Amino acid sequence: MTAPGPAPDFPRYARQLALPEVGVEGQTRLAEARVLIVGAGGLGSPAALWMAAAGVGRIGLADPDHVDRSNLHRQLLYGPADVGAPKVEAAHRRLAEVNPDVRVDIHQVEVSVTNADRLVRDYDVVLDCTDQIPVRYAVSDACVAAARPLVHGAVSRWEGRVAVLAAADGPCYRCLWPTPPPAHAIPTCAEAGVLGPVPGAVGMLQAVEACKLILGAGDPLVGRLLVLDLLRMVTHAFAVPRDPLCPACAAGEIRERSAPAGVAAPAASPFPLPSEPPVSPSPAEPSAIEEIAPAELAARLQGAEPPLVLDVREPWEHAIARVDGARLVPLNSLPAALSTLDPGRAYVTLCHHGVRSRMAAEFLRERGLPRVANLRGGIDAWSDEVDPAVPKY
């Protein structure tokens, strides 16, 4: 941690100081904290504003882009006069107005595997506020290597998701999505559209989670993925365990990862993190979901009452490899498809390695479908153990 700076402006933070989870000690921790925000757009904009207002002492902003007029409806760090300016420079000016006591580091770079380690090691908490898929993987891998918690956020149209990744005993980004999709397989906000306040809500929640991590307060979203459907105003919290087959972290231990030349080994994060993922608030415990092996699923499919296999992967994944007769219902579409599922039928959920499908099985069990099992190891294990003709990806 950096050396303590001047004492926080306590009158400014009087309402925060009144919280038993904050107080003088907590406000001092916020003032001494270092937070890196990767992406100064729809998510990074509200996250940066709220973290500066809360008194986080040092904020790093990493973004290579310039302000465009199309940004203004949702990226409230910027105004019409900033159009054409580098985002990090315009954001620096705005955050200085919000809280002149906050130090702002600007990194006008595209974060990638070549610089992610170097950037992440200088901060205590990292916020993933980018919509660029390769950047998400690079940042998550760097956080795993540096033992830095990563507050992930994503939005599309009316929906958003938030999770705390790369924390002690929790999953990383690759646990949720082990393999990067093909280029342009997932539309950006520019392609899919987004209502302006939606990233505002998600970025605000990312700021809340970051403050909780810094303060050591409450139950951060470690081991849980919060999905928000703001058009219908419903939320779902899915339990997300660490994937034992994860290529970045496995079997409860962070795998070694070589840093680029000249990068020193990072120190451990100074902020206390939960030693165990918080218990999901949902009624069904993760252990209640039956896990079946691929061979057992193959046998059940030949039985008198075969289960319906629900493939919760994305369409591009289904196009590469699939189980005959399975119904494709991408995870984000599962709530909308719920009314088409017979509560009396048996189901087996399937994904790439068994992580997303377990989330789907938990969701279905909570919604009154009692006969739901999860395919252990996913389509990858199916290819290994049942049908080698199914391609692996």
Protein backbone atom coordinates (compact mmCIF):
# COMPACT_ATOMS: atom_id res chain seq x y z
CA MET A 1 0.00 0.00 0.00
CA THR A 2 1.16 3.54 -0.65
CA ALA A 3 2.25 5.69 2.27
CA PRO A 4 -0.67 7.36 4.05
CA GLY A 5 -1.55 10.77 2.66
CA PRO A 6 -3.26 13.69 4.34
CA ALA A 7 -6.14 12.91 6.68
CA PRO A 8 -9.46 12.56 4.83
CA ASP A 9 -11.85 15.52 4.78
CA PHE A 10 -14.09 14.03 7.45
CA PRO A 11 -16.86 16.68 7.26
CA ARG A 12 -17.24 15.85 3.56
CA TYR A 13 -17.78 12.17 4.35
CA ALA A 14 -19.90 12.64 7.48
CA ARG A 15 -22.75 10.45 6.18
CA GLN A 16 -20.34 7.63 5.39
CA LEU A 17 -18.57 7.99 8.70
CA ALA A 18 -21.90 7.37 10.43
CA LEU A 19 -21.95 3.83 9.05
CA PRO A 20 -20.53 1.29 11.51
CA GLU A 21 -18.83 -0.49 8.58
CA VAL A 22 -16.94 2.71 7.68
CA GLY A 23 -16.17 5.09 10.53
CA VAL A 24 -12.84 6.92 10.70
CA GLU A 25 -10.81 3.76 10.12
CA GLY A 26 -12.82 2.77 7.06
CA GLN A 27 -12.70 6.23 5.55
CA THR A 28 -8.95 6.22 6.01
CA ARG A 29 -8.76 2.87 4.21
CA LEU A 30 -10.73 4.36 1.32
CA ALA A 31 -8.36 7.33 1.23
CA GLU A 32 -5.35 5.02 1.07
CA ALA A 33 -6.85 2.63 -1.49
CA ARG A 34 -5.69 2.25 -5.09
CA VAL A 35 -8.33 1.25 -7.64
CA LEU A 36 -7.78 0.62 -11.36
CA ILE A 37 -10.75 1.09 -13.68
CA VAL A 38 -10.26 -0.60 -17.04
CA GLY A 39 -12.56 1.15 -19.50
CA ALA A 40 -13.74 4.73 -19.03
CA GLY A 41 -17.01 4.27 -20.88
CA GLY A 42 -20.55 3.35 -19.87
CA LEU A 43 -19.50 1.37 -16.79
CA GLY A 44 -16.26 3.11 -15.94
CA SER A 45 -17.91 6.52 -16.02
CA PRO A 46 -20.35 6.02 -13.10
CA ALA A 47 -17.90 3.76 -11.26
CA ALA A 48 -15.20 6.45 -11.34
CA LEU A 49 -17.61 9.19 -10.26
CA TRP A 50 -18.90 7.22 -7.29
CA MET A 51 -15.46 6.06 -6.19
CA ALA A 52 -14.08 9.59 -6.34
CA ALA A 53 -17.07 10.92 -4.43
CA ALA A 54 -16.64 8.18 -1.81
CA GLY A 55 -13.08 9.31 -1.20
CA VAL A 56 -11.02 6.55 -2.82
CA GLY A 57 -7.59 8.11 -2.73
CA ARG A 58 -6.06 6.94 -5.99
CA ILE A 59 -7.96 6.00 -9.13
CA GLY A 60 -6.32 4.68 -12.28
CA LEU A 61 -8.18 5.00 -15.60
CA ALA A 62 -7.12 2.85 -18.56
CA ASP A 63 -8.79 3.56 -21.90
CA PRO A 64 -7.37 4.30 -25.38
CA ASP A 65 -10.47 5.99 -26.82
CA HIS A 66 -11.60 9.55 -27.44
CA VAL A 67 -14.97 10.99 -26.45
CA ASP A 68 -17.62 10.61 -29.14
CA ARG A 69 -20.95 12.37 -29.24
CA SER A 70 -22.69 8.98 -29.08
CA ASN A 71 -21.11 8.45 -25.63
CA LEU A 72 -22.85 11.37 -23.97
CA HIS A 73 -26.22 9.74 -23.26
CA ARG A 74 -24.65 7.26 -20.82
CA GLN A 75 -21.07 8.32 -20.03
CA LEU A 76 -21.68 11.14 -17.58
CA LEU A 77 -18.00 11.83 -17.02
CA TYR A 78 -18.13 13.78 -20.28
CA GLY A 79 -19.95 16.75 -21.76
CA PRO A 80 -20.27 18.20 -25.28
CA ALA A 81 -17.08 20.22 -24.83
CA ASP A 82 -15.11 16.96 -24.33
CA VAL A 83 -16.03 15.46 -27.73
CA GLY A 84 -12.81 14.55 -29.52
CA ALA A 85 -10.66 14.62 -26.37
CA PRO A 86 -8.98 11.51 -24.95
CA LYS A 87 -11.38 9.96 -22.47
CA VAL A 88 -8.82 9.58 -19.71
CA GLU A 89 -7.85 13.26 -19.92
CA ALA A 90 -11.45 14.48 -19.91
CA ALA A 91 -12.23 12.10 -17.05
CA HIS A 92 -9.25 13.41 -15.09
CA ARG A 93 -10.59 16.96 -15.34
CA ARG A 94 -14.10 15.93 -14.28
CA LEU A 95 -12.96 13.81 -11.32
CA ALA A 96 -10.81 16.70 -10.08
CA GLU A 97 -13.99 18.77 -9.94
CA VAL A 98 -15.86 16.01 -8.10
CA ASN A 99 -13.14 15.53 -5.49
CA PRO A 100 -9.85 17.45 -5.73
CA ASP A 101 -8.30 15.26 -3.03
CA VAL A 102 -8.37 12.19 -5.29
CA ARG A 103 -5.25 11.33 -7.30
CA VAL A 104 -6.09 10.20 -10.83
CA ASP A 105 -3.62 8.17 -12.91
CA ILE A 106 -4.33 8.20 -16.63
CA HIS A 107 -3.31 5.33 -18.90
CA GLN A 108 -4.28 6.07 -22.50
CA VAL A 109 -3.57 2.54 -23.63
CA GLU A 110 -5.45 -0.51 -24.79
CA VAL A 111 -5.03 -3.06 -22.00
CA SER A 112 -3.72 -6.37 -23.33
CA VAL A 113 -1.65 -9.39 -22.34
CA THR A 114 1.48 -7.30 -22.90
CA ASN A 115 0.71 -4.63 -20.29
CA ALA A 116 -2.04 -5.99 -18.01
CA ASP A 117 0.38 -7.38 -15.41
CA ARG A 118 2.27 -4.11 -15.20
CA LEU A 119 -0.91 -2.07 -14.75
CA VAL A 120 -2.67 -4.36 -12.28
CA ARG A 121 0.26 -4.75 -9.89
CA ASP A 122 0.13 -1.06 -8.93
CA TYR A 123 -3.43 -1.24 -7.61
CA ASP A 124 -5.34 -3.02 -4.85
CA VAL A 125 -8.69 -3.58 -6.57
CA VAL A 126 -9.47 -3.68 -10.30
CA LEU A 127 -12.78 -2.90 -12.02
CA ASP A 128 -13.51 -4.57 -15.36
CA CYS A 129 -15.57 -1.91 -17.14
CA THR A 130 -14.65 -2.77 -20.73
CA ASP A 131 -16.80 -4.26 -23.47
CA GLN A 132 -13.78 -5.71 -25.26
CA ILE A 133 -13.64 -9.47 -24.74
CA PRO A 134 -9.84 -9.90 -25.15
CA VAL A 135 -9.30 -7.14 -22.59
CA ARG A 136 -11.54 -8.93 -20.07
CA TYR A 137 -9.48 -12.10 -20.35
CA ALA A 138 -6.18 -10.23 -20.10
CA VAL A 139 -7.29 -8.30 -17.02
CA SER A 140 -8.71 -11.38 -15.28
CA ASP A 141 -5.54 -13.38 -15.91
CA ALA A 142 -3.43 -10.52 -14.55
CA CYS A 143 -5.61 -10.28 -11.44
CA VAL A 144 -5.29 -14.03 -10.83
CA ALA A 145 -1.51 -13.78 -11.12
CA ALA A 146 -1.34 -10.70 -8.86
CA ALA A 147 -3.93 -11.89 -6.29
CA ARG A 148 -6.00 -8.79 -6.93
CA PRO A 149 -9.83 -8.93 -6.70
CA LEU A 150 -11.58 -8.03 -9.95
CA VAL A 151 -15.06 -6.47 -9.96
CA HIS A 152 -16.57 -7.56 -13.27
CA GLY A 153 -19.41 -5.70 -14.93
CA ALA A 154 -21.14 -6.04 -18.28
CA VAL A 155 -24.24 -4.61 -19.95
CA SER A 156 -26.30 -5.11 -23.09
CA ARG A 157 -29.61 -3.50 -23.96
CA TRP A 158 -31.61 -3.60 -20.68
CA GLU A 159 -29.49 -6.20 -18.91
CA GLY A 160 -26.39 -6.20 -16.77
CA ARG A 161 -24.27 -8.48 -14.63
CA VAL A 162 -21.86 -7.99 -11.75
CA ALA A 163 -19.48 -10.39 -9.99
CA VAL A 164 -16.32 -10.29 -7.91
CA LEU A 165 -13.72 -12.50 -9.56
CA ALA A 166 -10.14 -13.61 -8.84
CA ALA A 167 -10.70 -13.33 -5.08
CA ALA A 168 -9.73 -15.94 -2.50
CA ASP A 169 -11.45 -19.28 -3.26
CA GLY A 170 -13.64 -17.61 -5.89
CA PRO A 171 -13.83 -18.07 -9.66
CA CYS A 172 -12.04 -16.01 -12.28
CA TYR A 173 -13.39 -14.83 -15.62
CA ARG A 174 -12.23 -18.03 -17.33
CA CYS A 175 -14.23 -20.09 -14.83
CA LEU A 176 -17.37 -18.47 -16.21
CA TRP A 177 -16.31 -18.37 -19.86
CA PRO A 178 -13.31 -20.68 -20.34
CA THR A 179 -12.74 -20.02 -24.04
CA PRO A 180 -12.92 -16.62 -25.76
CA PRO A 181 -15.64 -16.52 -28.40
CA PRO A 182 -14.81 -15.80 -32.04
CA ALA A 183 -14.18 -12.16 -32.90
CA HIS A 184 -17.39 -10.10 -33.03
CA ALA A 185 -19.51 -13.03 -31.73
CA ILE A 186 -20.77 -10.89 -28.83
CA PRO A 187 -22.17 -7.51 -29.88
CA THR A 188 -20.96 -4.36 -28.18
CA CYS A 189 -23.32 -1.65 -26.95
CA ALA A 190 -22.77 0.14 -30.23
CA GLU A 191 -24.13 -2.91 -32.05
CA ALA A 192 -26.81 -4.17 -29.63
CA GLY A 193 -27.84 -0.85 -28.10
CA VAL A 194 -28.23 0.08 -24.44
CA LEU A 195 -30.45 2.39 -22.42
CA GLY A 196 -28.31 5.09 -20.83
CA PRO A 197 -29.18 4.45 -17.15
CA VAL A 198 -28.49 0.70 -17.42
CA PRO A 199 -24.68 0.97 -17.38
CA GLY A 200 -25.14 3.64 -14.73
CA ALA A 201 -26.82 1.09 -12.45
CA VAL A 202 -24.22 -1.59 -13.12
CA GLY A 203 -21.24 0.76 -12.75
CA MET A 204 -22.67 2.00 -9.46
CA LEU A 205 -22.92 -1.59 -8.20
CA GLN A 206 -19.32 -2.18 -9.22
CA ALA A 207 -18.32 0.85 -7.13
CA VAL A 208 -20.27 -0.54 -4.18
CA GLU A 209 -18.54 -3.92 -4.47
CA ALA A 210 -15.13 -2.26 -4.70
CA CYS A 211 -15.81 -0.21 -1.57
CA LYS A 212 -16.93 -3.34 0.29
CA LEU A 213 -13.68 -5.06 -0.66
CA ILE A 214 -11.62 -2.10 0.51
CA LEU A 215 -13.55 -1.84 3.77
CA GLY A 216 -13.75 -5.58 4.40
CA ALA A 217 -17.49 -5.10 4.83
CA GLY A 218 -20.55 -7.18 4.06
CA ASP A 219 -20.68 -10.05 1.60
CA PRO A 220 -18.99 -9.19 -1.70
CA LEU A 221 -20.19 -11.02 -4.81
CA VAL A 222 -17.46 -13.66 -4.55
CA GLY A 223 -18.75 -16.95 -5.95
CA ARG A 224 -21.94 -15.30 -7.17
CA LEU A 225 -23.02 -13.70 -10.42
CA LEU A 226 -25.71 -11.04 -10.10
CA VAL A 227 -27.79 -10.74 -13.28
CA LEU A 228 -30.11 -7.76 -13.66
CA ASP A 229 -33.02 -7.57 -16.08
CA LEU A 230 -33.90 -3.90 -15.73
CA LEU A 231 -36.64 -3.96 -18.34
CA ARG A 232 -38.65 -6.35 -16.14
CA MET A 233 -36.91 -5.15 -12.94
CA VAL A 234 -35.94 -8.60 -11.74
CA THR A 235 -32.59 -9.88 -10.51
CA HIS A 236 -31.10 -13.33 -10.24
CA ALA A 237 -28.06 -14.32 -8.17
CA PHE A 238 -26.35 -17.45 -9.45
CA ALA A 239 -23.82 -19.44 -7.44
CA VAL A 240 -20.59 -19.66 -9.45
CA PRO A 241 -17.94 -22.06 -8.10
CA ARG A 242 -14.34 -22.06 -9.23
CA ASP A 243 -13.98 -24.39 -12.22
CA PRO A 244 -11.54 -27.22 -11.38
CA LEU A 245 -10.65 -27.35 -15.09
CA CYS A 246 -10.09 -23.60 -15.40
CA PRO A 247 -7.02 -22.79 -17.52
CA ALA A 248 -6.14 -19.83 -15.27
CA CYS A 249 -6.89 -21.11 -11.74
CA ALA A 250 -7.59 -24.68 -10.75
CA ALA A 251 -8.27 -26.94 -7.77
CA GLY A 252 -8.35 -24.05 -5.32
CA GLU A 253 -4.84 -22.91 -6.17
CA ILE A 254 -3.72 -20.06 -8.37
CA ARG A 255 -1.54 -21.41 -11.14
CA GLU A 256 1.83 -19.79 -11.69
CA ARG A 257 1.85 -17.28 -14.49
CA SER A 258 5.02 -15.69 -15.79
CA ALA A 259 5.01 -11.91 -15.86
CA PRO A 260 6.47 -9.93 -18.77
CA ALA A 261 10.17 -9.18 -18.60
CA GLY A 262 11.03 -6.41 -16.17
CA VAL A 263 7.86 -6.74 -14.09
CA ALA A 264 8.48 -7.41 -10.44
CA ALA A 265 6.38 -9.92 -8.54
CA PRO A 266 3.36 -8.10 -7.08
CA ALA A 267 2.65 -7.91 -3.39
CA ALA A 268 -0.49 -9.45 -1.95
CA SER A 269 -3.57 -7.30 -1.74
CA PRO A 270 -3.72 -5.45 1.60
CA PHE A 271 -7.48 -5.66 1.89
CA PRO A 272 -9.19 -8.54 3.72
CA LEU A 273 -11.25 -10.81 1.48
CA PRO A 274 -13.64 -13.58 2.45
CA SER A 275 -11.90 -16.95 2.79
CA GLU A 276 -14.99 -18.67 1.46
CA PRO A 277 -17.56 -17.61 -1.15
CA PRO A 278 -20.69 -16.21 0.50
CA VAL A 279 -23.67 -18.51 0.63
CA SER A 280 -26.06 -17.83 -2.21
CA PRO A 281 -29.25 -16.19 -0.98
CA SER A 282 -31.25 -18.61 -3.09
CA PRO A 283 -33.19 -21.40 -1.32
CA ALA A 284 -31.35 -24.20 -3.09
CA GLU A 285 -27.80 -24.87 -1.95
CA PRO A 286 -25.27 -25.69 -4.71
CA SER A 287 -24.81 -29.18 -3.24
CA ALA A 288 -28.50 -29.93 -3.86
CA ILE A 289 -27.92 -30.07 -7.62
CA GLU A 290 -27.24 -33.59 -8.89
CA GLU A 291 -24.05 -33.90 -10.95
CA ILE A 292 -24.07 -36.71 -13.49
CA ALA A 293 -21.24 -38.10 -15.58
CA PRO A 294 -21.46 -38.15 -19.39
CA ALA A 295 -21.82 -41.94 -19.47
CA GLU A 296 -24.75 -41.75 -17.08
CA LEU A 297 -26.44 -39.11 -19.24
CA ALA A 298 -25.94 -41.32 -22.30
CA ALA A 299 -27.63 -44.19 -20.46
CA ARG A 300 -30.54 -42.03 -19.31
CA LEU A 301 -31.09 -40.77 -22.85
CA GLN A 302 -31.62 -44.40 -23.91
CA GLY A 303 -34.08 -45.07 -21.08
CA ALA A 304 -37.86 -45.12 -21.01
CA GLU A 305 -38.13 -41.52 -19.77
CA PRO A 306 -35.15 -39.67 -21.23
CA PRO A 307 -34.43 -36.23 -19.80
CA LEU A 308 -34.47 -33.13 -21.96
CA VAL A 309 -30.95 -31.75 -22.30
CA LEU A 310 -30.85 -27.97 -22.03
CA ASP A 311 -27.77 -26.53 -23.68
CA VAL A 312 -27.20 -23.12 -22.04
CA ARG A 313 -24.18 -22.13 -24.15
CA GLU A 314 -24.16 -19.41 -26.78
CA PRO A 315 -25.31 -20.12 -30.37
CA TRP A 316 -21.75 -19.94 -31.72
CA GLU A 317 -20.71 -22.69 -29.28
CA HIS A 318 -23.71 -24.84 -30.15
CA ALA A 319 -22.82 -24.52 -33.84
CA ILE A 320 -19.41 -26.05 -33.13
CA ALA A 321 -20.38 -28.96 -30.86
CA ARG A 322 -23.68 -30.31 -29.55
CA VAL A 323 -25.49 -33.31 -28.11
CA ASP A 324 -28.16 -34.68 -30.44
CA GLY A 325 -31.66 -33.76 -29.28
CA ALA A 326 -30.53 -31.04 -26.88
CA ARG A 327 -32.50 -27.81 -26.79
CA LEU A 328 -30.43 -24.63 -27.06
CA VAL A 329 -31.41 -22.07 -24.40
CA PRO A 330 -28.55 -19.59 -23.81
CA LEU A 331 -28.14 -18.79 -20.14
CA ASN A 332 -29.31 -15.19 -20.47
CA SER A 333 -32.47 -16.44 -22.22
CA LEU A 334 -33.37 -18.98 -19.57
CA PRO A 335 -35.76 -16.76 -17.54
CA ALA A 336 -37.77 -16.01 -20.69
CA ALA A 337 -37.91 -19.73 -21.59
CA LEU A 338 -39.04 -20.84 -18.14
CA SER A 339 -42.74 -20.85 -19.04
CA THR A 340 -42.10 -23.38 -21.84
CA LEU A 341 -40.60 -25.99 -19.50
CA ASP A 342 -42.73 -28.77 -17.98
CA PRO A 343 -42.16 -28.92 -14.18
CA GLY A 344 -42.83 -32.64 -14.22
CA ARG A 345 -40.12 -33.51 -16.71
CA ALA A 346 -36.51 -34.41 -15.99
CA TYR A 347 -33.82 -32.07 -17.31
CA VAL A 348 -30.05 -32.11 -17.62
CA THR A 349 -28.26 -28.82 -18.15
CA LEU A 350 -25.15 -28.65 -20.30
CA CYS A 351 -22.48 -26.07 -21.14
CA HIS A 352 -18.79 -26.11 -22.07
CA HIS A 353 -17.24 -27.32 -18.80
CA GLY A 354 -20.21 -27.50 -16.43
CA VAL A 355 -20.04 -24.10 -14.71
CA ARG A 356 -22.71 -22.09 -16.53
CA SER A 357 -24.96 -25.15 -16.66
CA ARG A 358 -24.75 -25.49 -12.89
CA MET A 359 -25.94 -21.90 -12.60
CA ALA A 360 -28.83 -22.81 -14.92
CA ALA A 361 -29.69 -25.88 -12.86
CA GLU A 362 -29.72 -23.78 -9.68
CA PHE A 363 -32.03 -21.27 -11.33
CA LEU A 364 -34.44 -23.96 -12.56
CA ARG A 365 -34.52 -25.66 -9.17
CA GLU A 366 -35.33 -22.35 -7.47
CA ARG A 367 -38.17 -21.77 -9.93
CA GLY A 368 -39.95 -25.02 -9.11
CA LEU A 369 -38.43 -27.62 -11.46
CA PRO A 370 -37.38 -30.39 -9.04
CA ARG A 371 -35.86 -32.90 -11.49
CA VAL A 372 -32.80 -31.05 -12.74
CA ALA A 373 -29.27 -32.42 -12.98
CA ASN A 374 -26.06 -30.91 -14.31
CA LEU A 375 -23.70 -32.61 -16.76
CA ARG A 376 -20.35 -32.74 -15.01
CA GLY A 377 -17.57 -31.53 -17.29
CA GLY A 378 -19.97 -30.28 -19.95
CA ILE A 379 -19.73 -30.91 -23.69
CA ASP A 380 -15.96 -31.20 -23.30
CA ALA A 381 -16.31 -34.27 -21.08
CA TRP A 382 -19.05 -35.65 -23.36
CA SER A 383 -16.58 -35.58 -26.24
CA ASP A 384 -13.91 -37.31 -24.13
CA GLU A 385 -16.10 -39.99 -22.58
CA VAL A 386 -19.06 -40.63 -24.88
CA ASP A 387 -18.75 -39.29 -28.42
CA PRO A 388 -15.27 -38.43 -29.73
CA ALA A 389 -16.89 -37.21 -32.97
CA VAL A 390 -18.12 -34.12 -31.09
CA PRO A 391 -15.49 -31.43 -31.73
CA LYS A 392 -13.65 -29.84 -28.81
CA TYR A 393 -13.04 -26.11 -28.77
